[in-house]
Amino acid sequence: GHNAMESMHAVLGELLKFRSEIQAKYSNTGFAIP
């Protein structure tokens, strides 16, 4: 078979990488969580 959960593991890693990238690129000190 093809394990969808193993694929999701890779997807989750890419999603968290994307989060790090946009948080490094965008910031607004007018928000409590900038």
PDB file of all heavy atoms in Angstrom:
ATOM      1  N   GLY A   1       0.807  -1.216   0.000  1.00  0.00           N
ATOM      2  CA  GLY A   1       0.000   0.000   0.000  1.00  0.00           C
ATOM      3  C   GLY A   1       0.837   1.262   0.000  1.00  0.00           C
ATOM      4  O   GLY A   1       2.066   1.228  -0.158  1.00  0.00           O
ATOM      5  N   HIS A   2       0.167   2.381   0.172  1.00  0.00           N
ATOM      6  CA  HIS A   2       0.817   3.695   0.279  1.00  0.00           C
ATOM      7  C   HIS A   2       0.264   4.360   1.537  1.00  0.00           C
ATOM      8  O   HIS A   2      -0.947   4.622   1.621  1.00  0.00           O
ATOM      9  CB  HIS A   2       0.521   4.563  -0.944  1.00  0.00           C
ATOM     10  CG  HIS A   2       0.934   3.931  -2.237  1.00  0.00           C
ATOM     11  ND1 HIS A   2       2.244   3.635  -2.540  1.00  0.00           N
ATOM     12  CD2 HIS A   2       0.193   3.522  -3.310  1.00  0.00           C
ATOM     13  CE1 HIS A   2       2.306   3.095  -3.739  1.00  0.00           C
ATOM     14  NE2 HIS A   2       1.070   2.995  -4.222  1.00  0.00           N
ATOM     15  N   ASN A   3       1.122   4.612   2.492  1.00  0.00           N
ATOM     16  CA  ASN A   3       0.679   5.057   3.808  1.00  0.00           C
ATOM     17  C   ASN A   3       0.413   6.559   3.828  1.00  0.00           C
ATOM     18  O   ASN A   3       1.333   7.380   3.752  1.00  0.00           O
ATOM     19  CB  ASN A   3       1.731   4.693   4.859  1.00  0.00           C
ATOM     20  CG  ASN A   3       1.169   4.767   6.270  1.00  0.00           C
ATOM     21  OD1 ASN A   3       0.624   5.785   6.672  1.00  0.00           O
ATOM     22  ND2 ASN A   3       1.303   3.671   7.023  1.00  0.00           N
ATOM     23  N   ALA A   4      -0.859   6.925   3.941  1.00  0.00           N
ATOM     24  CA  ALA A   4      -1.249   8.337   3.944  1.00  0.00           C
ATOM     25  C   ALA A   4      -0.733   9.063   5.179  1.00  0.00           C
ATOM     26  O   ALA A   4      -0.436  10.256   5.135  1.00  0.00           O
ATOM     27  CB  ALA A   4      -2.777   8.451   3.873  1.00  0.00           C
ATOM     28  N   MET A   5      -0.587   8.355   6.300  1.00  0.00           N
ATOM     29  CA  MET A   5      -0.107   8.994   7.516  1.00  0.00           C
ATOM     30  C   MET A   5       1.376   9.369   7.386  1.00  0.00           C
ATOM     31  O   MET A   5       1.804  10.417   7.876  1.00  0.00           O
ATOM     32  CB  MET A   5      -0.333   8.087   8.720  1.00  0.00           C
ATOM     33  CG  MET A   5      -0.267   8.827  10.057  1.00  0.00           C
ATOM     34  SD  MET A   5      -0.651   7.766  11.478  1.00  0.00           S
ATOM     35  CE  MET A   5      -2.322   7.261  11.103  1.00  0.00           C
ATOM     36  N   GLU A   6       2.146   8.536   6.707  1.00  0.00           N
ATOM     37  CA  GLU A   6       3.545   8.870   6.488  1.00  0.00           C
ATOM     38  C   GLU A   6       3.669  10.092   5.572  1.00  0.00           C
ATOM     39  O   GLU A   6       4.527  10.949   5.777  1.00  0.00           O
ATOM     40  CB  GLU A   6       4.280   7.672   5.896  1.00  0.00           C
ATOM     41  CG  GLU A   6       4.428   6.515   6.876  1.00  0.00           C
ATOM     42  CD  GLU A   6       5.223   5.351   6.289  1.00  0.00           C
ATOM     43  OE1 GLU A   6       5.791   5.517   5.180  1.00  0.00           O
ATOM     44  OE2 GLU A   6       5.271   4.293   6.940  1.00  0.00           O
ATOM     45  N   SER A   7       2.784  10.177   4.583  1.00  0.00           N
ATOM     46  CA  SER A   7       2.768  11.364   3.727  1.00  0.00           C
ATOM     47  C   SER A   7       2.406  12.605   4.535  1.00  0.00           C
ATOM     48  O   SER A   7       2.989  13.678   4.343  1.00  0.00           O
ATOM     49  CB  SER A   7       1.769  11.188   2.585  1.00  0.00           C
ATOM     50  OG  SER A   7       2.143  10.125   1.746  1.00  0.00           O
ATOM     51  N   MET A   8       1.457  12.451   5.460  1.00  0.00           N
ATOM     52  CA  MET A   8       1.049  13.583   6.276  1.00  0.00           C
ATOM     53  C   MET A   8       2.192  14.048   7.165  1.00  0.00           C
ATOM     54  O   MET A   8       2.314  15.244   7.468  1.00  0.00           O
ATOM     55  CB  MET A   8      -0.183  13.231   7.118  1.00  0.00           C
ATOM     56  CG  MET A   8      -0.772  14.420   7.866  1.00  0.00           C
ATOM     57  SD  MET A   8      -1.414  15.718   6.754  1.00  0.00           S
ATOM     58  CE  MET A   8      -3.026  15.012   6.336  1.00  0.00           C
ATOM     59  N   HIS A   9       3.044  13.112   7.589  1.00  0.00           N
ATOM     60  CA  HIS A   9       4.209  13.487   8.375  1.00  0.00           C
ATOM     61  C   HIS A   9       5.080  14.468   7.586  1.00  0.00           C
ATOM     62  O   HIS A   9       5.543  15.485   8.099  1.00  0.00           O
ATOM     63  CB  HIS A   9       5.012  12.237   8.756  1.00  0.00           C
ATOM     64  CG  HIS A   9       6.262  12.527   9.528  1.00  0.00           C
ATOM     65  ND1 HIS A   9       7.486  12.706   8.910  1.00  0.00           N
ATOM     66  CD2 HIS A   9       6.485  12.665  10.854  1.00  0.00           C
ATOM     67  CE1 HIS A   9       8.408  12.967   9.824  1.00  0.00           C
ATOM     68  NE2 HIS A   9       7.819  12.927  11.018  1.00  0.00           N
ATOM     69  N   ALA A  10       5.293  14.162   6.304  1.00  0.00           N
ATOM     70  CA  ALA A  10       6.090  15.057   5.458  1.00  0.00           C
ATOM     71  C   ALA A  10       5.363  16.381   5.225  1.00  0.00           C
ATOM     72  O   ALA A  10       5.984  17.453   5.206  1.00  0.00           O
ATOM     73  CB  ALA A  10       6.392  14.369   4.124  1.00  0.00           C
ATOM     74  N   VAL A  11       4.051  16.310   5.047  1.00  0.00           N
ATOM     75  CA  VAL A  11       3.255  17.527   4.857  1.00  0.00           C
ATOM     76  C   VAL A  11       3.341  18.428   6.082  1.00  0.00           C
ATOM     77  O   VAL A  11       3.508  19.650   5.978  1.00  0.00           O
ATOM     78  CB  VAL A  11       1.794  17.161   4.530  1.00  0.00           C
ATOM     79  CG1 VAL A  11       0.884  18.369   4.683  1.00  0.00           C
ATOM     80  CG2 VAL A  11       1.686  16.592   3.131  1.00  0.00           C
ATOM     81  N   LEU A  12       3.206  17.834   7.263  1.00  0.00           N
ATOM     82  CA  LEU A  12       3.259  18.627   8.489  1.00  0.00           C
ATOM     83  C   LEU A  12       4.621  19.318   8.629  1.00  0.00           C
ATOM     84  O   LEU A  12       4.699  20.482   9.026  1.00  0.00           O
ATOM     85  CB  LEU A  12       2.991  17.733   9.697  1.00  0.00           C
ATOM     86  CG  LEU A  12       2.942  18.421  11.068  1.00  0.00           C
ATOM     87  CD1 LEU A  12       1.917  19.544  11.091  1.00  0.00           C
ATOM     88  CD2 LEU A  12       2.639  17.406  12.163  1.00  0.00           C
ATOM     89  N   GLY A  13       5.691  18.617   8.280  1.00  0.00           N
ATOM     90  CA  GLY A  13       7.001  19.236   8.334  1.00  0.00           C
ATOM     91  C   GLY A  13       7.106  20.429   7.402  1.00  0.00           C
ATOM     92  O   GLY A  13       7.667  21.476   7.764  1.00  0.00           O
ATOM     93  N   GLU A  14       6.550  20.296   6.195  1.00  0.00           N
ATOM     94  CA  GLU A  14       6.576  21.406   5.234  1.00  0.00           C
ATOM     95  C   GLU A  14       5.705  22.566   5.715  1.00  0.00           C
ATOM     96  O   GLU A  14       6.052  23.739   5.531  1.00  0.00           O
ATOM     97  CB  GLU A  14       6.095  20.925   3.865  1.00  0.00           C
ATOM     98  CG  GLU A  14       6.194  21.952   2.755  1.00  0.00           C
ATOM     99  CD  GLU A  14       7.625  22.328   2.420  1.00  0.00           C
ATOM    100  OE1 GLU A  14       8.554  21.518   2.707  1.00  0.00           O
ATOM    101  OE2 GLU A  14       7.841  23.424   1.861  1.00  0.00           O
ATOM    102  N   LEU A  15       4.599  22.238   6.351  1.00  0.00           N
ATOM    103  CA  LEU A  15       3.701  23.275   6.874  1.00  0.00           C
ATOM    104  C   LEU A  15       4.389  24.091   7.968  1.00  0.00           C
ATOM    105  O   LEU A  15       4.287  25.324   8.000  1.00  0.00           O
ATOM    106  CB  LEU A  15       2.437  22.603   7.417  1.00  0.00           C
ATOM    107  CG  LEU A  15       1.157  23.438   7.517  1.00  0.00           C
ATOM    108  CD1 LEU A  15       0.734  23.939   6.146  1.00  0.00           C
ATOM    109  CD2 LEU A  15       0.046  22.596   8.130  1.00  0.00           C
ATOM    110  N   LEU A  16       5.092  23.417   8.868  1.00  0.00           N
ATOM    111  CA  LEU A  16       5.805  24.117   9.934  1.00  0.00           C
ATOM    112  C   LEU A  16       6.977  24.933   9.383  1.00  0.00           C
ATOM    113  O   LEU A  16       7.303  26.006   9.907  1.00  0.00           O
ATOM    114  CB  LEU A  16       6.274  23.129  10.989  1.00  0.00           C
ATOM    115  CG  LEU A  16       5.168  22.353  11.721  1.00  0.00           C
ATOM    116  CD1 LEU A  16       5.767  21.418  12.761  1.00  0.00           C
ATOM    117  CD2 LEU A  16       4.155  23.290  12.353  1.00  0.00           C
ATOM    118  N   LYS A  17       7.598  24.425   8.317  1.00  0.00           N
ATOM    119  CA  LYS A  17       8.651  25.191   7.660  1.00  0.00           C
ATOM    120  C   LYS A  17       8.068  26.459   7.044  1.00  0.00           C
ATOM    121  O   LYS A  17       8.662  27.556   7.151  1.00  0.00           O
ATOM    122  CB  LYS A  17       9.310  24.333   6.578  1.00  0.00           C
ATOM    123  CG  LYS A  17      10.428  25.033   5.829  1.00  0.00           C
ATOM    124  CD  LYS A  17      11.012  24.115   4.749  1.00  0.00           C
ATOM    125  CE  LYS A  17      12.074  24.832   3.932  1.00  0.00           C
ATOM    126  NZ  LYS A  17      12.592  23.972   2.823  1.00  0.00           N
ATOM    127  N   PHE A  18       6.915  26.339   6.404  1.00  0.00           N
ATOM    128  CA  PHE A  18       6.234  27.498   5.825  1.00  0.00           C
ATOM    129  C   PHE A  18       5.901  28.514   6.910  1.00  0.00           C
ATOM    130  O   PHE A  18       6.081  29.728   6.719  1.00  0.00           O
ATOM    131  CB  PHE A  18       4.969  27.032   5.109  1.00  0.00           C
ATOM    132  CG  PHE A  18       4.142  28.136   4.509  1.00  0.00           C
ATOM    133  CD1 PHE A  18       4.586  28.812   3.383  1.00  0.00           C
ATOM    134  CD2 PHE A  18       2.921  28.500   5.069  1.00  0.00           C
ATOM    135  CE1 PHE A  18       3.822  29.830   2.813  1.00  0.00           C
ATOM    136  CE2 PHE A  18       2.163  29.509   4.518  1.00  0.00           C
ATOM    137  CZ  PHE A  18       2.601  30.181   3.382  1.00  0.00           C
ATOM    138  N   ARG A  19       5.439  28.015   8.064  1.00  0.00           N
ATOM    139  CA  ARG A  19       5.134  28.920   9.176  1.00  0.00           C
ATOM    140  C   ARG A  19       6.360  29.711   9.597  1.00  0.00           C
ATOM    141  O   ARG A  19       6.287  30.930   9.808  1.00  0.00           O
ATOM    142  CB  ARG A  19       4.580  28.132  10.364  1.00  0.00           C
ATOM    143  CG  ARG A  19       4.227  29.006  11.568  1.00  0.00           C
ATOM    144  CD  ARG A  19       3.581  28.195  12.673  1.00  0.00           C
ATOM    145  NE  ARG A  19       4.520  27.283  13.316  1.00  0.00           N
ATOM    146  CZ  ARG A  19       4.184  26.420  14.279  1.00  0.00           C
ATOM    147  NH1 ARG A  19       2.918  26.347  14.686  1.00  0.00           N
ATOM    148  NH2 ARG A  19       5.085  25.623  14.816  1.00  0.00           N
ATOM    149  N   SER A  20       7.490  29.044   9.736  1.00  0.00           N
ATOM    150  CA  SER A  20       8.731  29.729  10.129  1.00  0.00           C
ATOM    151  C   SER A  20       9.115  30.797   9.112  1.00  0.00           C
ATOM    152  O   SER A  20       9.559  31.895   9.484  1.00  0.00           O
ATOM    153  CB  SER A  20       9.867  28.715  10.285  1.00  0.00           C
ATOM    154  OG  SER A  20       9.604  27.811  11.337  1.00  0.00           O
ATOM    155  N   GLU A  21       8.915  30.494   7.849  1.00  0.00           N
ATOM    156  CA  GLU A  21       9.301  31.433   6.797  1.00  0.00           C
ATOM    157  C   GLU A  21       8.430  32.691   6.816  1.00  0.00           C
ATOM    158  O   GLU A  21       8.944  33.813   6.703  1.00  0.00           O
ATOM    159  CB  GLU A  21       9.227  30.754   5.439  1.00  0.00           C
ATOM    160  CG  GLU A  21      10.292  29.689   5.239  1.00  0.00           C
ATOM    161  CD  GLU A  21      10.130  28.948   3.928  1.00  0.00           C
ATOM    162  OE1 GLU A  21       9.245  29.344   3.124  1.00  0.00           O
ATOM    163  OE2 GLU A  21      10.875  27.973   3.685  1.00  0.00           O
ATOM    164  N   ILE A  22       7.108  32.524   6.945  1.00  0.00           N
ATOM    165  CA  ILE A  22       6.255  33.717   6.927  1.00  0.00           C
ATOM    166  C   ILE A  22       6.415  34.522   8.216  1.00  0.00           C
ATOM    167  O   ILE A  22       6.273  35.749   8.211  1.00  0.00           O
ATOM    168  CB  ILE A  22       4.769  33.363   6.672  1.00  0.00           C
ATOM    169  CG1 ILE A  22       4.202  32.445   7.757  1.00  0.00           C
ATOM    170  CG2 ILE A  22       4.593  32.755   5.284  1.00  0.00           C
ATOM    171  CD1 ILE A  22       2.697  32.213   7.619  1.00  0.00           C
ATOM    172  N   GLN A  23       6.733  33.845   9.326  1.00  0.00           N
ATOM    173  CA  GLN A  23       6.956  34.583  10.560  1.00  0.00           C
ATOM    174  C   GLN A  23       8.271  35.368  10.517  1.00  0.00           C
ATOM    175  O   GLN A  23       8.385  36.415  11.157  1.00  0.00           O
ATOM    176  CB  GLN A  23       6.929  33.637  11.761  1.00  0.00           C
ATOM    177  CG  GLN A  23       5.530  33.120  12.063  1.00  0.00           C
ATOM    178  CD  GLN A  23       5.465  32.206  13.271  1.00  0.00           C
ATOM    179  OE1 GLN A  23       6.492  31.694  13.730  1.00  0.00           O
ATOM    180  NE2 GLN A  23       4.263  31.981  13.784  1.00  0.00           N
ATOM    181  N   ALA A  24       9.244  34.865   9.766  1.00  0.00           N
ATOM    182  CA  ALA A  24      10.496  35.606   9.596  1.00  0.00           C
ATOM    183  C   ALA A  24      10.314  36.785   8.641  1.00  0.00           C
ATOM    184  O   ALA A  24      11.012  37.800   8.753  1.00  0.00           O
ATOM    185  CB  ALA A  24      11.585  34.675   9.069  1.00  0.00           C
ATOM    186  N   LYS A  25       9.364  36.667   7.718  1.00  0.00           N
ATOM    187  CA  LYS A  25       9.178  37.683   6.686  1.00  0.00           C
ATOM    188  C   LYS A  25       8.226  38.792   7.103  1.00  0.00           C
ATOM    189  O   LYS A  25       8.411  39.954   6.721  1.00  0.00           O
ATOM    190  CB  LYS A  25       8.667  37.011   5.410  1.00  0.00           C
ATOM    191  CG  LYS A  25       8.519  37.945   4.222  1.00  0.00           C
ATOM    192  CD  LYS A  25       8.097  37.170   2.981  1.00  0.00           C
ATOM    193  CE  LYS A  25       7.950  38.100   1.784  1.00  0.00           C
ATOM    194  NZ  LYS A  25       7.541  37.361   0.554  1.00  0.00           N
ATOM    195  N   TYR A  26       7.188  38.447   7.889  1.00  0.00           N
ATOM    196  CA  TYR A  26       6.133  39.412   8.217  1.00  0.00           C
ATOM    197  C   TYR A  26       6.060  39.647   9.726  1.00  0.00           C
ATOM    198  O   TYR A  26       6.093  38.693  10.509  1.00  0.00           O
ATOM    199  CB  TYR A  26       4.769  38.912   7.732  1.00  0.00           C
ATOM    200  CG  TYR A  26       4.666  38.725   6.248  1.00  0.00           C
ATOM    201  CD1 TYR A  26       4.809  37.454   5.672  1.00  0.00           C
ATOM    202  CD2 TYR A  26       4.420  39.797   5.408  1.00  0.00           C
ATOM    203  CE1 TYR A  26       4.707  37.265   4.306  1.00  0.00           C
ATOM    204  CE2 TYR A  26       4.314  39.620   4.036  1.00  0.00           C
ATOM    205  CZ  TYR A  26       4.461  38.361   3.486  1.00  0.00           C
ATOM    206  OH  TYR A  26       4.363  38.180   2.141  1.00  0.00           O
ATOM    207  N   SER A  27       5.936  40.909  10.099  1.00  0.00           N
ATOM    208  CA  SER A  27       5.792  41.260  11.511  1.00  0.00           C
ATOM    209  C   SER A  27       5.100  42.609  11.625  1.00  0.00           C
ATOM    210  O   SER A  27       5.300  43.488  10.778  1.00  0.00           O
ATOM    211  CB  SER A  27       7.154  41.308  12.208  1.00  0.00           C
ATOM    212  OG  SER A  27       7.021  41.619  13.579  1.00  0.00           O
ATOM    213  N   ASN A  28       4.276  42.753  12.643  1.00  0.00           N
ATOM    214  CA  ASN A  28       3.581  44.020  12.896  1.00  0.00           C
ATOM    215  C   ASN A  28       3.503  44.208  14.403  1.00  0.00           C
ATOM    216  O   ASN A  28       2.774  43.491  15.090  1.00  0.00           O
ATOM    217  CB  ASN A  28       2.183  44.003  12.274  1.00  0.00           C
ATOM    218  CG  ASN A  28       1.484  45.352  12.344  1.00  0.00           C
ATOM    219  OD1 ASN A  28       1.617  46.080  13.320  1.00  0.00           O
ATOM    220  ND2 ASN A  28       0.730  45.676  11.308  1.00  0.00           N
ATOM    221  N   THR A  29       4.270  45.150  14.923  1.00  0.00           N
ATOM    222  CA  THR A  29       4.339  45.354  16.372  1.00  0.00           C
ATOM    223  C   THR A  29       3.064  45.950  16.956  1.00  0.00           C
ATOM    224  O   THR A  29       2.959  46.074  18.176  1.00  0.00           O
ATOM    225  CB  THR A  29       5.532  46.259  16.721  1.00  0.00           C
ATOM    226  OG1 THR A  29       5.404  47.508  16.012  1.00  0.00           O
ATOM    227  CG2 THR A  29       6.852  45.593  16.342  1.00  0.00           C
ATOM    228  N   GLY A  30       2.106  46.286  16.100  1.00  0.00           N
ATOM    229  CA  GLY A  30       0.824  46.759  16.606  1.00  0.00           C
ATOM    230  C   GLY A  30      -0.044  45.654  17.181  1.00  0.00           C
ATOM    231  O   GLY A  30      -1.075  45.930  17.787  1.00  0.00           O
ATOM    232  N   PHE A  31       0.393  44.396  17.028  1.00  0.00           N
ATOM    233  CA  PHE A  31      -0.358  43.265  17.557  1.00  0.00           C
ATOM    234  C   PHE A  31       0.372  42.655  18.748  1.00  0.00           C
ATOM    235  O   PHE A  31       1.604  42.626  18.784  1.00  0.00           O
ATOM    236  CB  PHE A  31      -0.537  42.191  16.479  1.00  0.00           C
ATOM    237  CG  PHE A  31      -1.487  42.569  15.381  1.00  0.00           C
ATOM    238  CD1 PHE A  31      -1.025  43.216  14.247  1.00  0.00           C
ATOM    239  CD2 PHE A  31      -2.842  42.299  15.491  1.00  0.00           C
ATOM    240  CE1 PHE A  31      -1.891  43.574  13.228  1.00  0.00           C
ATOM    241  CE2 PHE A  31      -3.717  42.649  14.481  1.00  0.00           C
ATOM    242  CZ  PHE A  31      -3.247  43.300  13.351  1.00  0.00           C
ATOM    243  N   ALA A  32      -0.396  42.144  19.700  1.00  0.00           N
ATOM    244  CA  ALA A  32       0.204  41.497  20.864  1.00  0.00           C
ATOM    245  C   ALA A  32       1.069  40.316  20.426  1.00  0.00           C
ATOM    246  O   ALA A  32       2.132  40.059  21.000  1.00  0.00           O
ATOM    247  CB  ALA A  32      -0.889  41.029  21.827  1.00  0.00           C
ATOM    248  N   ILE A  33       0.607  39.565  19.440  1.00  0.00           N
ATOM    249  CA  ILE A  33       1.411  38.521  18.803  1.00  0.00           C
ATOM    250  C   ILE A  33       1.754  39.074  17.426  1.00  0.00           C
ATOM    251  O   ILE A  33       0.909  39.075  16.514  1.00  0.00           O
ATOM    252  CB  ILE A  33       0.644  37.198  18.706  1.00  0.00           C
ATOM    253  CG1 ILE A  33       0.276  36.706  20.108  1.00  0.00           C
ATOM    254  CG2 ILE A  33       1.474  36.136  17.995  1.00  0.00           C
ATOM    255  CD1 ILE A  33      -0.648  35.528  20.135  1.00  0.00           C
ATOM    256  N   PRO A  34       2.973  39.582  17.247  1.00  0.00           N
ATOM    257  CA  PRO A  34       3.279  40.422  16.082  1.00  0.00           C
ATOM    258  C   PRO A  34       3.464  39.682  14.769  1.00  0.00           C
ATOM    259  O   PRO A  34       3.639  40.315  13.736  1.00  0.00           O
ATOM    260  CB  PRO A  34       4.581  41.113  16.492  1.00  0.00           C
ATOM    261  CG  PRO A  34       5.230  40.168  17.448  1.00  0.00           C
ATOM    262  CD  PRO A  34       4.101  39.511  18.193  1.00  0.00           C
TER     263      PRO A  34
END
